[in-house]
Protein backbone atom coordinates (compact mmCIF):
# COMPACT_ATOMS: atom_id res chain seq x y z
CA MET A 1 -0.16 0.08 -0.05
CA LYS A 2 1.53 3.29 -0.93
CA LEU A 3 0.52 6.48 1.21
CA ILE A 4 0.52 10.33 -0.22
CA LEU A 5 1.10 13.42 1.46
CA MET A 6 -0.55 16.67 0.67
CA THR A 7 1.32 19.49 1.22
CA GLN A 8 -0.57 22.57 3.27
CA PRO A 9 -2.28 24.49 0.82
CA THR A 10 -0.23 27.82 1.88
CA PHE A 11 3.48 28.22 2.34
CA PHE A 12 5.07 29.01 5.83
CA VAL A 13 8.18 29.09 7.23
CA GLU A 14 9.59 25.36 8.22
CA GLU A 15 8.31 23.83 5.35
CA ASP A 16 10.85 23.09 3.49
CA LYS A 17 13.06 21.42 6.58
CA ILE A 18 9.15 19.04 7.54
CA LEU A 19 9.66 18.07 4.02
CA THR A 20 13.27 17.47 3.88
CA SER A 21 12.67 15.82 7.31
CA LEU A 22 9.79 13.74 6.13
CA PHE A 23 11.64 12.20 3.08
CA ASP A 24 14.55 11.29 5.21
CA GLU A 25 12.57 9.10 6.91
CA GLY A 26 10.70 7.56 3.66
CA LEU A 27 8.30 9.50 2.26
CA ASP A 28 8.00 8.62 -1.58
CA ASN A 29 4.50 10.85 -2.62
CA LEU A 30 4.69 14.06 -2.16
CA HIS A 31 1.40 15.94 -3.61
CA LEU A 32 2.72 19.90 -3.90
CA TYR A 33 -0.80 21.65 -3.65
CA LYS A 34 -0.89 25.47 -3.60
CA PRO A 35 -3.99 26.51 -5.16
CA ALA A 36 -4.65 29.97 -6.60
CA SER A 37 -0.40 30.46 -4.92
CA GLU A 38 2.28 32.79 -7.14
CA PRO A 39 3.98 30.09 -9.08
CA ILE A 40 7.58 31.63 -7.98
CA TYR A 41 6.44 30.33 -4.18
CA SER A 42 6.49 27.37 -5.42
CA GLU A 43 9.86 27.46 -7.25
CA ARG A 44 10.95 28.76 -4.11
CA LEU A 45 10.32 25.96 -2.00
CA LEU A 46 11.21 23.56 -4.12
CA THR A 47 15.04 24.97 -4.34
CA LEU A 48 14.87 24.75 -0.59
CA LEU A 49 14.13 20.93 -0.93
CA PRO A 50 17.47 18.60 -2.07
CA GLU A 51 17.27 17.80 -5.63
CA GLU A 52 17.42 14.05 -5.23
CA PHE A 53 13.68 14.13 -3.76
CA TYR A 54 12.04 15.79 -6.98
CA LYS A 55 11.49 13.00 -8.51
CA LYS A 56 9.12 11.41 -5.61
CA ILE A 57 7.16 15.09 -5.82
CA THR A 58 3.98 15.78 -8.04
CA VAL A 59 2.48 18.72 -8.41
CA HIS A 60 -0.62 20.50 -8.81
CA ASP A 61 -1.10 23.29 -11.45
CA ASN A 62 2.15 25.21 -12.52
CA PHE A 63 2.85 22.11 -14.85
CA TYR A 64 6.04 23.43 -16.11
CA LEU A 65 7.68 22.99 -12.85
CA LYS A 66 7.42 19.59 -13.91
CA GLU A 67 10.22 19.66 -16.47
CA GLU A 68 11.89 22.37 -15.18
CA PHE A 69 12.97 20.42 -11.56
CA LYS A 70 12.45 17.26 -12.95
CA LEU A 71 9.38 16.12 -11.04
CA GLY A 72 8.18 13.05 -10.86
CA GLY A 73 4.68 13.68 -12.79
CA ILE A 74 1.66 16.31 -12.94
CA HIS A 75 -1.99 16.05 -11.04
CA ILE A 76 -5.15 16.27 -12.60
CA ASP A 77 -8.13 17.78 -10.32
CA ASP A 78 -10.73 15.89 -12.34
CA GLU A 79 -11.46 12.57 -13.86
CA THR A 80 -11.96 14.24 -17.89
CA THR A 81 -9.26 17.63 -18.38
CA PRO A 82 -6.43 16.16 -20.59
CA ALA A 83 -2.88 15.89 -20.15
CA PRO A 84 -1.18 19.41 -21.54
CA LYS A 85 -0.76 18.55 -25.31
CA GLY A 86 2.62 16.90 -25.86
CA TYR A 87 2.72 15.75 -22.37
CA LYS A 88 4.56 12.27 -21.64
CA GLY A 89 5.02 11.16 -18.31
CA HIS A 90 3.35 10.70 -15.45
CA VAL A 91 -0.44 11.62 -14.18
CA SER A 92 -2.88 11.13 -11.64
CA ARG A 93 -6.50 12.18 -10.90
CA THR A 94 -9.01 12.99 -8.53
CA CYS A 95 -12.08 11.51 -8.76
CA THR A 96 -15.56 12.29 -6.75
CA HIS A 97 -17.82 9.79 -8.10
CA LEU A 98 -17.79 5.55 -8.53
CA ASP A 99 -19.63 5.30 -11.87
CA GLN A 100 -16.47 7.70 -12.98
CA LEU A 101 -13.29 5.92 -12.08
CA LYS A 102 -13.38 2.87 -14.70
CA GLU A 103 -12.77 5.86 -17.55
CA ALA A 104 -10.29 7.94 -15.01
CA LYS A 105 -7.93 5.08 -14.35
CA LYS A 106 -7.52 4.84 -17.93
CA HIS A 107 -6.03 8.46 -18.42
CA ALA A 108 -3.88 7.84 -15.26
CA ASP A 109 -1.31 6.06 -13.05
CA TYR A 110 -3.31 6.51 -9.82
CA VAL A 111 -6.90 7.85 -9.07
CA LEU A 112 -7.21 9.58 -6.00
CA LEU A 113 -10.71 8.93 -4.61
CA LYS A 114 -11.91 11.88 -2.59
CA TYR A 115 -14.56 12.28 0.19
CA ILE A 116 -14.16 8.36 1.60
CA PHE A 117 -14.24 9.46 5.30
CA ASP A 118 -15.45 12.96 6.43
CA SER A 119 -12.60 15.37 6.46
CA GLN A 120 -10.11 16.32 8.90
CA THR A 121 -9.67 20.42 7.70
CA GLU A 122 -12.37 21.13 6.38
CA PRO A 123 -15.12 20.18 8.36
CA ASP A 124 -18.05 20.71 5.58
CA GLN A 125 -16.53 18.17 3.28
CA LYS A 126 -18.27 14.83 4.78
CA ALA A 127 -17.78 11.39 3.54
CA SER A 128 -19.53 10.79 -0.20
CA PHE A 129 -20.07 6.93 0.30
CA THR A 130 -21.32 4.53 2.52
CA ILE A 131 -19.05 1.74 3.37
CA ASP A 132 -21.45 -0.69 1.48
CA GLU A 133 -21.08 1.90 -1.66
CA LEU A 134 -17.12 1.35 -1.01
CA LYS A 135 -16.92 -2.38 -0.81
CA GLU A 136 -19.20 -2.79 -4.03
CA ALA A 137 -16.82 -1.11 -5.91
CA SER A 138 -14.24 -3.17 -4.24
CA ARG A 139 -16.09 -6.25 -5.50
CA ARG A 140 -17.09 -4.87 -9.31
CA GLY A 141 -13.04 -4.20 -9.25
CA LEU A 142 -13.72 -0.37 -9.47
CA ILE A 143 -11.43 0.12 -6.38
CA ASP A 144 -8.16 -1.15 -7.00
CA ARG A 145 -4.57 -0.71 -6.45
CA HIS A 146 -4.49 2.10 -8.77
CA VAL A 147 -7.27 3.97 -6.78
CA TYR A 148 -6.01 5.71 -3.44
CA ALA A 149 -8.55 7.03 -0.63
CA LEU A 150 -8.37 10.64 -0.04
CA GLY A 151 -10.53 12.17 3.05
CA GLY A 152 -10.60 11.97 6.35
CA MET A 153 -7.28 9.24 6.05
CA ASN A 154 -5.41 8.27 9.85
CA LEU A 155 -4.05 5.72 11.85
CA GLU A 156 -8.17 4.10 12.57
CA THR A 157 -9.11 4.76 8.69
CA ILE A 158 -6.37 3.14 7.25
CA LYS A 159 -7.29 -0.12 8.45
CA ALA A 160 -10.24 0.76 6.80
CA ALA A 161 -8.73 1.52 3.60
CA LYS A 162 -6.33 -1.48 3.13
CA ASP A 163 -9.52 -3.70 3.22
CA LEU A 164 -11.58 -2.11 1.08
CA GLY A 165 -8.60 -2.89 -1.75
CA PHE A 166 -7.34 0.74 -2.17
CA GLY A 167 -3.88 0.67 -3.25
CA GLY A 168 -2.94 3.59 -1.17
CA VAL A 169 -4.18 6.29 0.89
CA VAL A 170 -3.68 10.43 0.80
CA ILE A 171 -2.17 11.89 4.60
CA SER A 172 -3.04 15.34 5.12
CA GLY A 173 -5.26 16.82 8.27
CA ASP A 174 -3.90 14.26 10.51
CA LEU A 175 -0.57 14.96 9.98
CA TRP A 176 -0.77 18.67 9.30
CA ASN A 177 -2.98 19.09 12.21
CA ARG A 178 0.00 18.29 14.28
CA PHE A 179 1.87 21.38 14.35
CA ASN A 180 1.08 25.39 14.04
CA ILE A 181 1.95 26.72 11.07
CA HIS A 182 2.35 30.00 12.60
CA GLN A 183 3.35 29.48 15.95
CA GLU A 184 5.20 26.31 16.19
CA LEU A 185 9.09 26.02 15.61
CA ASP A 186 9.46 22.24 16.92
CA TYR A 187 7.88 19.51 14.62
CA GLN A 188 8.98 16.63 16.04
CA ALA A 189 5.61 15.10 17.12
CA LEU A 190 4.43 15.76 13.22
CA ILE A 191 7.68 13.26 12.32
CA ASP A 192 6.60 11.04 15.09
CA HIS A 193 3.30 10.74 13.74
CA PHE A 194 4.69 10.26 10.03
CA ILE A 195 6.67 7.42 11.21
CA LYS A 196 3.15 5.70 12.25
CA LEU A 197 1.45 6.14 10.08
CA ARG A 198 4.17 4.63 7.37
CA LYS A 199 4.23 1.82 9.52
CA ALA A 200 0.65 1.50 9.23
CA ILE A 201 0.36 1.52 6.00
CA GLY A 202 3.11 -1.87 5.95
């Protein structure tokens, strides 16, 4: 089972140090997700990270960064938007409906199925599916190793995602909620929790 970490949507002072430490602890897929931000800030963050980790980074938006920094791939935030003309490389997508999974998987290396459980970062984002619906999707082969669970993932729900046949999970709030980007400098608790998450996915 794979583990993806989604960045905070905003930039913050300790970010490059935290991400470098997470890579050192075995993070192998980071999604650089900075909606509505100026690309220059993403460039700056990338220049602060060791180059050896660039191939483990997937970028949302500002796809030119993939080539400029030789990143791992690009992410398209829906099921249908085509990859940029002439693009060759890894593509992942976000999907929000079970009936669109089959088509989305044809045009992506993996698909993030969103709203599996209630979001830990956005209280108004509730689970979109019942467990029975997810079990049926798994039985039909819609959920498989190319589909990763996004939404409300933590130490408890990782086991449920594994049992449902997801190929990976996307971690966001469960990790970032352990560090106050505005007030704290010590991020050891965040690193320690990441180690637990890695063990949980096996």
